[in-house]
PDB file of all heavy atoms in Angstrom:
ATOM      1  N   ARG A   1      22.807 -13.976  -4.626  1.00  0.00           N
ATOM      2  CA  ARG A   1      23.936 -14.849  -4.152  1.00  0.00           C
ATOM      3  C   ARG A   1      25.048 -14.665  -5.209  1.00  0.00           C
ATOM      4  O   ARG A   1      24.872 -14.152  -6.312  1.00  0.00           O
ATOM      5  CB  ARG A   1      23.465 -16.305  -4.150  1.00  0.00           C
ATOM      6  CG  ARG A   1      22.097 -16.635  -3.585  1.00  0.00           C
ATOM      7  CD  ARG A   1      22.137 -16.951  -2.124  1.00  0.00           C
ATOM      8  NE  ARG A   1      20.876 -17.215  -1.560  1.00  0.00           N
ATOM      9  CZ  ARG A   1      20.670 -17.919  -0.443  1.00  0.00           C
ATOM     10  NH1 ARG A   1      21.624 -18.437   0.261  1.00  0.00           N
ATOM     11  NH2 ARG A   1      19.441 -18.075   0.003  1.00  0.00           N
ATOM     12  N   ILE A   2      26.230 -15.094  -4.802  1.00  0.00           N
ATOM     13  CA  ILE A   2      27.356 -15.001  -5.742  1.00  0.00           C
ATOM     14  C   ILE A   2      27.092 -15.695  -7.065  1.00  0.00           C
ATOM     15  O   ILE A   2      27.429 -15.120  -8.097  1.00  0.00           O
ATOM     16  CB  ILE A   2      28.647 -15.657  -5.041  1.00  0.00           C
ATOM     17  CG1 ILE A   2      29.159 -14.732  -3.934  1.00  0.00           C
ATOM     18  CG2 ILE A   2      29.742 -15.870  -6.090  1.00  0.00           C
ATOM     19  CD1 ILE A   2      30.425 -15.209  -3.290  1.00  0.00           C
ATOM     20  N   LYS A   3      26.446 -16.830  -7.029  1.00  0.00           N
ATOM     21  CA  LYS A   3      26.185 -17.592  -8.253  1.00  0.00           C
ATOM     22  C   LYS A   3      25.151 -16.849  -9.153  1.00  0.00           C
ATOM     23  O   LYS A   3      25.101 -17.202 -10.353  1.00  0.00           O
ATOM     24  CB  LYS A   3      25.579 -18.904  -7.877  1.00  0.00           C
ATOM     25  CG  LYS A   3      24.191 -18.866  -7.277  1.00  0.00           C
ATOM     26  CD  LYS A   3      23.563 -20.228  -7.029  1.00  0.00           C
ATOM     27  CE  LYS A   3      22.188 -20.092  -6.495  1.00  0.00           C
ATOM     28  NZ  LYS A   3      21.314 -19.386  -7.405  1.00  0.00           N
ATOM     29  N   ASP A   4      24.517 -15.832  -8.715  1.00  0.00           N
ATOM     30  CA  ASP A   4      23.514 -15.161  -9.487  1.00  0.00           C
ATOM     31  C   ASP A   4      24.079 -14.077 -10.372  1.00  0.00           C
ATOM     32  O   ASP A   4      23.318 -13.475 -11.205  1.00  0.00           O
ATOM     33  CB  ASP A   4      22.402 -14.493  -8.557  1.00  0.00           C
ATOM     34  CG  ASP A   4      21.694 -15.492  -7.784  1.00  0.00           C
ATOM     35  OD1 ASP A   4      21.652 -16.725  -8.181  1.00  0.00           O
ATOM     36  OD2 ASP A   4      21.176 -15.146  -6.664  1.00  0.00           O
ATOM     37  N   ILE A   5      25.375 -13.860 -10.314  1.00  0.00           N
ATOM     38  CA  ILE A   5      25.988 -12.882 -11.107  1.00  0.00           C
ATOM     39  C   ILE A   5      26.921 -13.616 -12.134  1.00  0.00           C
ATOM     40  O   ILE A   5      27.861 -14.286 -11.762  1.00  0.00           O
ATOM     41  CB  ILE A   5      26.882 -11.884 -10.344  1.00  0.00           C
ATOM     42  CG1 ILE A   5      26.053 -11.253  -9.233  1.00  0.00           C
ATOM     43  CG2 ILE A   5      27.427 -10.787 -11.223  1.00  0.00           C
ATOM     44  CD1 ILE A   5      24.885 -10.402  -9.664  1.00  0.00           C
ATOM     45  N   ASP A   6      26.566 -13.554 -13.415  1.00  0.00           N
ATOM     46  CA  ASP A   6      27.297 -14.221 -14.450  1.00  0.00           C
ATOM     47  C   ASP A   6      28.115 -13.158 -15.181  1.00  0.00           C
ATOM     48  O   ASP A   6      27.610 -12.477 -16.058  1.00  0.00           O
ATOM     49  CB  ASP A   6      26.388 -14.885 -15.409  1.00  0.00           C
ATOM     50  CG  ASP A   6      27.137 -15.882 -16.409  1.00  0.00           C
ATOM     51  OD1 ASP A   6      28.309 -15.516 -16.795  1.00  0.00           O
ATOM     52  OD2 ASP A   6      26.483 -16.744 -16.857  1.00  0.00           O
ATOM     53  N   PHE A   7      29.367 -13.044 -14.867  1.00  0.00           N
ATOM     54  CA  PHE A   7      30.204 -12.044 -15.512  1.00  0.00           C
ATOM     55  C   PHE A   7      30.607 -12.414 -16.880  1.00  0.00           C
ATOM     56  O   PHE A   7      30.936 -11.474 -17.711  1.00  0.00           O
ATOM     57  CB  PHE A   7      31.523 -11.866 -14.654  1.00  0.00           C
ATOM     58  CG  PHE A   7      31.347 -11.319 -13.327  1.00  0.00           C
ATOM     59  CD1 PHE A   7      31.469 -12.017 -12.186  1.00  0.00           C
ATOM     60  CD2 PHE A   7      30.959  -9.924 -13.183  1.00  0.00           C
ATOM     61  CE1 PHE A   7      31.244 -11.490 -10.863  1.00  0.00           C
ATOM     62  CE2 PHE A   7      30.730  -9.374 -11.943  1.00  0.00           C
ATOM     63  CZ  PHE A   7      30.866 -10.104 -10.789  1.00  0.00           C
ATOM     64  N   GLY A   8      30.552 -13.691 -17.220  1.00  0.00           N
ATOM     65  CA  GLY A   8      30.877 -14.087 -18.628  1.00  0.00           C
ATOM     66  C   GLY A   8      29.839 -13.669 -19.650  1.00  0.00           C
ATOM     67  O   GLY A   8      30.204 -13.175 -20.759  1.00  0.00           O
ATOM     68  N   PHE A   9      28.580 -13.727 -19.242  1.00  0.00           N
ATOM     69  CA  PHE A   9      27.449 -13.370 -20.119  1.00  0.00           C
ATOM     70  C   PHE A   9      26.850 -12.010 -19.697  1.00  0.00           C
ATOM     71  O   PHE A   9      25.897 -11.580 -20.231  1.00  0.00           O
ATOM     72  CB  PHE A   9      26.423 -14.427 -20.099  1.00  0.00           C
ATOM     73  CG  PHE A   9      26.768 -15.606 -20.924  1.00  0.00           C
ATOM     74  CD1 PHE A   9      27.300 -16.798 -20.315  1.00  0.00           C
ATOM     75  CD2 PHE A   9      26.709 -15.696 -22.323  1.00  0.00           C
ATOM     76  CE1 PHE A   9      27.610 -17.933 -20.973  1.00  0.00           C
ATOM     77  CE2 PHE A   9      27.009 -16.763 -23.010  1.00  0.00           C
ATOM     78  CZ  PHE A   9      27.496 -17.905 -22.410  1.00  0.00           C
ATOM     79  N   ASP A  10      27.521 -11.343 -18.741  1.00  0.00           N
ATOM     80  CA  ASP A  10      26.961 -10.029 -18.253  1.00  0.00           C
ATOM     81  C   ASP A  10      25.490 -10.109 -17.922  1.00  0.00           C
ATOM     82  O   ASP A  10      24.668  -9.337 -18.334  1.00  0.00           O
ATOM     83  CB  ASP A  10      27.224  -8.956 -19.264  1.00  0.00           C
ATOM     84  CG  ASP A  10      28.733  -8.699 -19.399  1.00  0.00           C
ATOM     85  OD1 ASP A  10      29.440  -8.898 -18.476  1.00  0.00           O
ATOM     86  OD2 ASP A  10      29.148  -8.204 -20.547  1.00  0.00           O
ATOM     87  N   THR A  11      25.172 -11.122 -17.043  1.00  0.00           N
ATOM     88  CA  THR A  11      23.749 -11.397 -16.719  1.00  0.00           C
ATOM     89  C   THR A  11      23.554 -11.455 -15.209  1.00  0.00           C
ATOM     90  O   THR A  11      24.423 -11.955 -14.453  1.00  0.00           O
ATOM     91  CB  THR A  11      23.281 -12.674 -17.407  1.00  0.00           C
ATOM     92  OG1 THR A  11      23.450 -12.569 -18.785  1.00  0.00           O
ATOM     93  CG2 THR A  11      21.810 -13.005 -17.066  1.00  0.00           C
ATOM     94  N   VAL A  12      22.430 -10.928 -14.755  1.00  0.00           N
ATOM     95  CA  VAL A  12      21.966 -11.054 -13.368  1.00  0.00           C
ATOM     96  C   VAL A  12      20.796 -12.030 -13.382  1.00  0.00           C
ATOM     97  O   VAL A  12      19.828 -11.728 -14.096  1.00  0.00           O
ATOM     98  CB  VAL A  12      21.671  -9.762 -12.764  1.00  0.00           C
ATOM     99  CG1 VAL A  12      21.151  -9.892 -11.318  1.00  0.00           C
ATOM    100  CG2 VAL A  12      22.835  -8.798 -12.750  1.00  0.00           C
ATOM    101  N   TYR A  13      20.767 -13.042 -12.478  1.00  0.00           N
ATOM    102  CA  TYR A  13      19.715 -13.934 -12.428  1.00  0.00           C
ATOM    103  C   TYR A  13      18.893 -13.679 -11.177  1.00  0.00           C
ATOM    104  O   TYR A  13      19.422 -13.504 -10.105  1.00  0.00           O
ATOM    105  CB  TYR A  13      20.206 -15.434 -12.329  1.00  0.00           C
ATOM    106  CG  TYR A  13      20.855 -15.902 -13.672  1.00  0.00           C
ATOM    107  CD1 TYR A  13      22.272 -15.686 -13.829  1.00  0.00           C
ATOM    108  CD2 TYR A  13      20.143 -16.504 -14.652  1.00  0.00           C
ATOM    109  CE1 TYR A  13      22.828 -16.157 -15.015  1.00  0.00           C
ATOM    110  CE2 TYR A  13      20.729 -16.955 -15.794  1.00  0.00           C
ATOM    111  CZ  TYR A  13      22.055 -16.754 -16.052  1.00  0.00           C
ATOM    112  OH  TYR A  13      22.610 -17.178 -17.175  1.00  0.00           O
ATOM    113  N   ILE A  14      17.577 -13.633 -11.383  1.00  0.00           N
ATOM    114  CA  ILE A  14      16.622 -13.381 -10.195  1.00  0.00           C
ATOM    115  C   ILE A  14      15.742 -14.666 -10.208  1.00  0.00           C
ATOM    116  O   ILE A  14      14.941 -15.020 -11.076  1.00  0.00           O
ATOM    117  CB  ILE A  14      15.722 -12.163 -10.492  1.00  0.00           C
ATOM    118  CG1 ILE A  14      16.544 -10.907 -10.764  1.00  0.00           C
ATOM    119  CG2 ILE A  14      14.773 -11.985  -9.278  1.00  0.00           C
ATOM    120  CD1 ILE A  14      17.524 -10.595  -9.612  1.00  0.00           C
ATOM    121  N   TRP A  15      15.876 -15.300  -8.989  1.00  0.00           N
ATOM    122  CA  TRP A  15      15.171 -16.545  -8.769  1.00  0.00           C
ATOM    123  C   TRP A  15      14.078 -16.417  -7.684  1.00  0.00           C
ATOM    124  O   TRP A  15      14.230 -15.798  -6.676  1.00  0.00           O
ATOM    125  CB  TRP A  15      16.073 -17.672  -8.288  1.00  0.00           C
ATOM    126  CG  TRP A  15      17.318 -17.834  -9.141  1.00  0.00           C
ATOM    127  CD1 TRP A  15      18.573 -17.373  -8.820  1.00  0.00           C
ATOM    128  CD2 TRP A  15      17.442 -18.565 -10.390  1.00  0.00           C
ATOM    129  NE1 TRP A  15      19.403 -17.717  -9.809  1.00  0.00           N
ATOM    130  CE2 TRP A  15      18.846 -18.390 -10.854  1.00  0.00           C
ATOM    131  CE3 TRP A  15      16.504 -19.230 -11.152  1.00  0.00           C
ATOM    132  CZ2 TRP A  15      19.271 -19.008 -11.930  1.00  0.00           C
ATOM    133  CZ3 TRP A  15      17.001 -19.812 -12.350  1.00  0.00           C
ATOM    134  CH2 TRP A  15      18.357 -19.714 -12.742  1.00  0.00           C
ATOM    135  N   GLU A  16      12.883 -16.974  -7.934  1.00  0.00           N
ATOM    136  CA  GLU A  16      11.823 -17.060  -6.947  1.00  0.00           C
ATOM    137  C   GLU A  16      11.517 -15.801  -6.132  1.00  0.00           C
ATOM    138  O   GLU A  16      11.478 -15.787  -4.960  1.00  0.00           O
ATOM    139  CB  GLU A  16      12.205 -18.224  -5.979  1.00  0.00           C
ATOM    140  CG  GLU A  16      12.383 -19.583  -6.640  1.00  0.00           C
ATOM    141  CD  GLU A  16      12.734 -20.685  -5.667  1.00  0.00           C
ATOM    142  OE1 GLU A  16      13.028 -20.364  -4.534  1.00  0.00           O
ATOM    143  OE2 GLU A  16      12.761 -21.809  -6.104  1.00  0.00           O
ATOM    144  N   SER A  17      11.420 -14.769  -6.914  1.00  0.00           N
ATOM    145  CA  SER A  17      11.103 -13.501  -6.290  1.00  0.00           C
ATOM    146  C   SER A  17       9.530 -13.324  -6.183  1.00  0.00           C
ATOM    147  O   SER A  17       8.766 -14.272  -6.301  1.00  0.00           O
ATOM    148  CB  SER A  17      11.621 -12.308  -7.046  1.00  0.00           C
ATOM    149  OG  SER A  17      11.029 -12.126  -8.293  1.00  0.00           O
ATOM    150  N   LYS A  18       9.105 -12.134  -5.979  1.00  0.00           N
ATOM    151  CA  LYS A  18       7.662 -11.877  -5.956  1.00  0.00           C
ATOM    152  C   LYS A  18       7.042 -12.143  -7.327  1.00  0.00           C
ATOM    153  O   LYS A  18       5.837 -12.411  -7.470  1.00  0.00           O
ATOM    154  CB  LYS A  18       7.420 -10.404  -5.491  1.00  0.00           C
ATOM    155  CG  LYS A  18       5.957 -10.055  -5.365  1.00  0.00           C
ATOM    156  CD  LYS A  18       5.850  -8.614  -4.908  1.00  0.00           C
ATOM    157  CE  LYS A  18       4.353  -8.123  -4.907  1.00  0.00           C
ATOM    158  NZ  LYS A  18       4.243  -6.703  -4.549  1.00  0.00           N
ATOM    159  N   SER A  19       7.854 -12.023  -8.363  1.00  0.00           N
ATOM    160  CA  SER A  19       7.438 -12.230  -9.737  1.00  0.00           C
ATOM    161  C   SER A  19       7.011 -13.661  -9.940  1.00  0.00           C
ATOM    162  O   SER A  19       7.538 -14.550  -9.257  1.00  0.00           O
ATOM    163  CB  SER A  19       8.495 -11.841 -10.727  1.00  0.00           C
ATOM    164  OG  SER A  19       8.958 -10.508 -10.478  1.00  0.00           O
ATOM    165  N   PRO A  20       6.117 -13.948 -10.813  1.00  0.00           N
ATOM    166  CA  PRO A  20       5.624 -15.272 -11.056  1.00  0.00           C
ATOM    167  C   PRO A  20       6.606 -16.216 -11.725  1.00  0.00           C
ATOM    168  O   PRO A  20       6.515 -17.437 -11.697  1.00  0.00           O
ATOM    169  CB  PRO A  20       4.383 -15.140 -11.963  1.00  0.00           C
ATOM    170  CG  PRO A  20       4.687 -13.827 -12.705  1.00  0.00           C
ATOM    171  CD  PRO A  20       5.428 -12.957 -11.760  1.00  0.00           C
ATOM    172  N   LYS A  21       7.695 -15.779 -12.280  1.00  0.00           N
ATOM    173  CA  LYS A  21       8.720 -16.623 -12.890  1.00  0.00           C
ATOM    174  C   LYS A  21      10.088 -16.020 -12.707  1.00  0.00           C
ATOM    175  O   LYS A  21      10.241 -14.813 -12.467  1.00  0.00           O
ATOM    176  CB  LYS A  21       8.394 -16.844 -14.379  1.00  0.00           C
ATOM    177  CG  LYS A  21       8.350 -15.592 -15.225  1.00  0.00           C
ATOM    178  CD  LYS A  21       8.064 -15.887 -16.691  1.00  0.00           C
ATOM    179  CE  LYS A  21       8.044 -14.576 -17.504  1.00  0.00           C
ATOM    180  NZ  LYS A  21       7.723 -14.862 -18.954  1.00  0.00           N
ATOM    181  N   ASP A  22      11.091 -16.889 -12.846  1.00  0.00           N
ATOM    182  CA  ASP A  22      12.507 -16.443 -12.823  1.00  0.00           C
ATOM    183  C   ASP A  22      12.726 -15.584 -14.016  1.00  0.00           C
ATOM    184  O   ASP A  22      12.122 -15.665 -15.126  1.00  0.00           O
ATOM    185  CB  ASP A  22      13.399 -17.627 -12.810  1.00  0.00           C
ATOM    186  CG  ASP A  22      13.152 -18.536 -11.618  1.00  0.00           C
ATOM    187  OD1 ASP A  22      12.716 -18.077 -10.547  1.00  0.00           O
ATOM    188  OD2 ASP A  22      13.327 -19.811 -11.783  1.00  0.00           O
ATOM    189  N   ARG A  23      13.758 -14.657 -13.875  1.00  0.00           N
ATOM    190  CA  ARG A  23      14.080 -13.790 -15.051  1.00  0.00           C
ATOM    191  C   ARG A  23      15.573 -13.424 -15.034  1.00  0.00           C
ATOM    192  O   ARG A  23      16.236 -13.622 -14.002  1.00  0.00           O
ATOM    193  CB  ARG A  23      13.268 -12.517 -15.039  1.00  0.00           C
ATOM    194  CG  ARG A  23      13.533 -11.561 -13.876  1.00  0.00           C
ATOM    195  CD  ARG A  23      12.517 -10.491 -13.918  1.00  0.00           C
ATOM    196  NE  ARG A  23      12.821  -9.285 -13.080  1.00  0.00           N
ATOM    197  CZ  ARG A  23      12.606  -9.187 -11.748  1.00  0.00           C
ATOM    198  NH1 ARG A  23      12.178 -10.205 -11.116  1.00  0.00           N
ATOM    199  NH2 ARG A  23      12.963  -8.053 -11.142  1.00  0.00           N
ATOM    200  N   THR A  24      16.056 -12.981 -16.173  1.00  0.00           N
ATOM    201  CA  THR A  24      17.448 -12.606 -16.272  1.00  0.00           C
ATOM    202  C   THR A  24      17.490 -11.066 -16.694  1.00  0.00           C
ATOM    203  O   THR A  24      16.571 -10.580 -17.305  1.00  0.00           O
ATOM    204  CB  THR A  24      18.233 -13.333 -17.391  1.00  0.00           C
ATOM    205  OG1 THR A  24      17.519 -13.202 -18.686  1.00  0.00           O
ATOM    206  CG2 THR A  24      18.214 -14.813 -17.013  1.00  0.00           C
ATOM    207  N   LEU A  25      18.508 -10.451 -16.247  1.00  0.00           N
ATOM    208  CA  LEU A  25      18.614  -8.994 -16.480  1.00  0.00           C
ATOM    209  C   LEU A  25      20.080  -8.619 -16.978  1.00  0.00           C
ATOM    210  O   LEU A  25      21.042  -9.337 -16.573  1.00  0.00           O
ATOM    211  CB  LEU A  25      18.315  -8.158 -15.252  1.00  0.00           C
ATOM    212  CG  LEU A  25      16.894  -8.283 -14.673  1.00  0.00           C
ATOM    213  CD1 LEU A  25      16.953  -7.912 -13.228  1.00  0.00           C
ATOM    214  CD2 LEU A  25      15.960  -7.481 -15.444  1.00  0.00           C
ATOM    215  N   PRO A  26      20.243  -7.724 -17.791  1.00  0.00           N
ATOM    216  CA  PRO A  26      21.534  -7.333 -18.262  1.00  0.00           C
ATOM    217  C   PRO A  26      22.365  -6.678 -17.089  1.00  0.00           C
ATOM    218  O   PRO A  26      21.814  -5.847 -16.333  1.00  0.00           O
ATOM    219  CB  PRO A  26      21.303  -6.284 -19.380  1.00  0.00           C
ATOM    220  CG  PRO A  26      19.973  -5.796 -19.116  1.00  0.00           C
ATOM    221  CD  PRO A  26      19.164  -6.895 -18.500  1.00  0.00           C
ATOM    222  N   LEU A  27      23.640  -7.105 -16.933  1.00  0.00           N
ATOM    223  CA  LEU A  27      24.475  -6.537 -15.898  1.00  0.00           C
ATOM    224  C   LEU A  27      24.960  -5.218 -16.287  1.00  0.00           C
ATOM    225  O   LEU A  27      25.614  -5.075 -17.370  1.00  0.00           O
ATOM    226  CB  LEU A  27      25.663  -7.466 -15.629  1.00  0.00           C
ATOM    227  CG  LEU A  27      26.723  -7.018 -14.601  1.00  0.00           C
ATOM    228  CD1 LEU A  27      26.111  -6.974 -13.232  1.00  0.00           C
ATOM    229  CD2 LEU A  27      27.947  -7.965 -14.699  1.00  0.00           C
ATOM    230  N   PRO A  28      24.746  -4.069 -15.492  1.00  0.00           N
ATOM    231  CA  PRO A  28      25.279  -2.766 -15.861  1.00  0.00           C
ATOM    232  C   PRO A  28      26.795  -2.825 -15.895  1.00  0.00           C
ATOM    233  O   PRO A  28      27.376  -3.211 -14.988  1.00  0.00           O
ATOM    234  CB  PRO A  28      24.764  -1.905 -14.706  1.00  0.00           C
ATOM    235  CG  PRO A  28      23.600  -2.687 -14.164  1.00  0.00           C
ATOM    236  CD  PRO A  28      23.939  -4.100 -14.279  1.00  0.00           C
ATOM    237  N   GLN A  29      27.309  -2.408 -17.060  1.00  0.00           N
ATOM    238  CA  GLN A  29      28.758  -2.390 -17.284  1.00  0.00           C
ATOM    239  C   GLN A  29      29.512  -1.545 -16.349  1.00  0.00           C
ATOM    240  O   GLN A  29      30.696  -1.811 -16.023  1.00  0.00           O
ATOM    241  CB  GLN A  29      29.081  -2.196 -18.792  1.00  0.00           C
ATOM    242  CG  GLN A  29      28.580  -3.238 -19.715  1.00  0.00           C
ATOM    243  CD  GLN A  29      29.185  -4.654 -19.394  1.00  0.00           C
ATOM    244  OE1 GLN A  29      30.410  -4.841 -19.569  1.00  0.00           O
ATOM    245  NE2 GLN A  29      28.378  -5.544 -18.991  1.00  0.00           N
ATOM    246  N   SER A  30      28.877  -0.475 -15.941  1.00  0.00           N
ATOM    247  CA  SER A  30      29.618   0.540 -15.151  1.00  0.00           C
ATOM    248  C   SER A  30      29.927   0.053 -13.719  1.00  0.00           C
ATOM    249  O   SER A  30      30.744   0.646 -13.007  1.00  0.00           O
ATOM    250  CB  SER A  30      28.747   1.801 -15.032  1.00  0.00           C
ATOM    251  OG  SER A  30      27.466   1.546 -14.455  1.00  0.00           O
ATOM    252  N   ILE A  31      29.293  -1.026 -13.262  1.00  0.00           N
ATOM    253  CA  ILE A  31      29.564  -1.539 -11.907  1.00  0.00           C
ATOM    254  C   ILE A  31      30.016  -2.958 -11.972  1.00  0.00           C
ATOM    255  O   ILE A  31      30.165  -3.646 -10.950  1.00  0.00           O
ATOM    256  CB  ILE A  31      28.197  -1.554 -11.082  1.00  0.00           C
ATOM    257  CG1 ILE A  31      27.087  -2.261 -11.717  1.00  0.00           C
ATOM    258  CG2 ILE A  31      27.770  -0.119 -10.785  1.00  0.00           C
ATOM    259  CD1 ILE A  31      25.934  -2.500 -10.779  1.00  0.00           C
ATOM    260  N   LYS A  32      30.443  -3.495 -13.135  1.00  0.00           N
ATOM    261  CA  LYS A  32      30.961  -4.860 -13.320  1.00  0.00           C
ATOM    262  C   LYS A  32      32.188  -5.043 -12.429  1.00  0.00           C
ATOM    263  O   LYS A  32      32.261  -6.046 -11.715  1.00  0.00           O
ATOM    264  CB  LYS A  32      31.222  -5.088 -14.754  1.00  0.00           C
ATOM    265  CG  LYS A  32      31.590  -6.516 -15.024  1.00  0.00           C
ATOM    266  CD  LYS A  32      31.727  -6.842 -16.506  1.00  0.00           C
ATOM    267  CE  LYS A  32      32.146  -8.258 -16.808  1.00  0.00           C
ATOM    268  NZ  LYS A  32      32.179  -8.565 -18.261  1.00  0.00           N
ATOM    269  N   GLU A  33      33.127  -4.127 -12.500  1.00  0.00           N
ATOM    270  CA  GLU A  33      34.420  -4.273 -11.713  1.00  0.00           C
ATOM    271  C   GLU A  33      34.137  -4.167 -10.285  1.00  0.00           C
ATOM    272  O   GLU A  33      34.728  -4.878  -9.395  1.00  0.00           O
ATOM    273  CB  GLU A  33      35.409  -3.231 -12.171  1.00  0.00           C
ATOM    274  CG  GLU A  33      35.883  -3.477 -13.592  1.00  0.00           C
ATOM    275  CD  GLU A  33      36.415  -4.835 -13.856  1.00  0.00           C
ATOM    276  OE1 GLU A  33      37.250  -5.343 -12.997  1.00  0.00           O
ATOM    277  OE2 GLU A  33      36.122  -5.464 -14.870  1.00  0.00           O
ATOM    278  N   GLU A  34      33.237  -3.306  -9.895  1.00  0.00           N
ATOM    279  CA  GLU A  34      32.844  -3.150  -8.479  1.00  0.00           C
ATOM    280  C   GLU A  34      32.189  -4.479  -7.930  1.00  0.00           C
ATOM    281  O   GLU A  34      32.613  -4.804  -6.772  1.00  0.00           O
ATOM    282  CB  GLU A  34      31.851  -2.056  -8.269  1.00  0.00           C
ATOM    283  CG  GLU A  34      32.444  -0.627  -8.437  1.00  0.00           C
ATOM    284  CD  GLU A  34      31.415   0.417  -8.105  1.00  0.00           C
ATOM    285  OE1 GLU A  34      31.079   0.639  -6.909  1.00  0.00           O
ATOM    286  OE2 GLU A  34      30.900   1.066  -9.044  1.00  0.00           O
ATOM    287  N   LEU A  35      31.403  -5.064  -8.738  1.00  0.00           N
ATOM    288  CA  LEU A  35      30.823  -6.362  -8.291  1.00  0.00           C
ATOM    289  C   LEU A  35      31.836  -7.432  -8.172  1.00  0.00           C
ATOM    290  O   LEU A  35      31.780  -8.369  -7.334  1.00  0.00           O
ATOM    291  CB  LEU A  35      29.725  -6.728  -9.306  1.00  0.00           C
ATOM    292  CG  LEU A  35      28.418  -5.916  -9.150  1.00  0.00           C
ATOM    293  CD1 LEU A  35      27.457  -6.245 -10.270  1.00  0.00           C
ATOM    294  CD2 LEU A  35      27.740  -6.224  -7.815  1.00  0.00           C
ATOM    295  N   LYS A  36      32.891  -7.453  -9.112  1.00  0.00           N
ATOM    296  CA  LYS A  36      33.880  -8.485  -9.057  1.00  0.00           C
ATOM    297  C   LYS A  36      34.703  -8.272  -7.712  1.00  0.00           C
ATOM    298  O   LYS A  36      35.009  -9.330  -7.072  1.00  0.00           O
ATOM    299  CB  LYS A  36      34.865  -8.284 -10.243  1.00  0.00           C
ATOM    300  CG  LYS A  36      34.288  -8.826 -11.543  1.00  0.00           C
ATOM    301  CD  LYS A  36      35.310  -8.790 -12.621  1.00  0.00           C
ATOM    302  CE  LYS A  36      34.760  -9.302 -13.965  1.00  0.00           C
ATOM    303  NZ  LYS A  36      35.761  -9.178 -15.092  1.00  0.00           N
ATOM    304  N   ILE A  37      34.941  -7.059  -7.338  1.00  0.00           N
ATOM    305  CA  ILE A  37      35.631  -6.741  -6.047  1.00  0.00           C
ATOM    306  C   ILE A  37      34.887  -7.281  -4.894  1.00  0.00           C
ATOM    307  O   ILE A  37      35.338  -7.827  -3.911  1.00  0.00           O
ATOM    308  CB  ILE A  37      35.993  -5.262  -5.941  1.00  0.00           C
ATOM    309  CG1 ILE A  37      37.087  -4.893  -7.039  1.00  0.00           C
ATOM    310  CG2 ILE A  37      36.519  -4.977  -4.591  1.00  0.00           C
ATOM    311  CD1 ILE A  37      37.257  -3.373  -7.155  1.00  0.00           C
ATOM    312  N   GLN A  38      33.446  -7.005  -4.996  1.00  0.00           N
ATOM    313  CA  GLN A  38      32.549  -7.429  -3.916  1.00  0.00           C
ATOM    314  C   GLN A  38      32.538  -8.891  -3.826  1.00  0.00           C
ATOM    315  O   GLN A  38      32.544  -9.381  -2.587  1.00  0.00           O
ATOM    316  CB  GLN A  38      31.152  -6.829  -4.237  1.00  0.00           C
ATOM    317  CG  GLN A  38      30.104  -7.283  -3.092  1.00  0.00           C
ATOM    318  CD  GLN A  38      30.370  -6.800  -1.814  1.00  0.00           C
ATOM    319  OE1 GLN A  38      31.104  -5.750  -1.607  1.00  0.00           O
ATOM    320  NE2 GLN A  38      29.732  -7.394  -0.803  1.00  0.00           N
ATOM    321  N   VAL A  39      32.540  -9.596  -4.854  1.00  0.00           N
ATOM    322  CA  VAL A  39      32.619 -11.158  -4.875  1.00  0.00           C
ATOM    323  C   VAL A  39      33.874 -11.576  -4.107  1.00  0.00           C
ATOM    324  O   VAL A  39      33.795 -12.507  -3.329  1.00  0.00           O
ATOM    325  CB  VAL A  39      32.511 -11.617  -6.247  1.00  0.00           C
ATOM    326  CG1 VAL A  39      32.815 -13.130  -6.259  1.00  0.00           C
ATOM    327  CG2 VAL A  39      31.119 -11.450  -6.792  1.00  0.00           C
TER     328      VAL A  39
END
């Protein structure tokens, strides 16, 4: 979802997936601007 991309902390949030717990991932810098446009 839009809320799952944190451009301030360059973080991607994954909630309630197949994994047993939620997790955070580093946002690839090479696609940061593309994601902002997508939002």
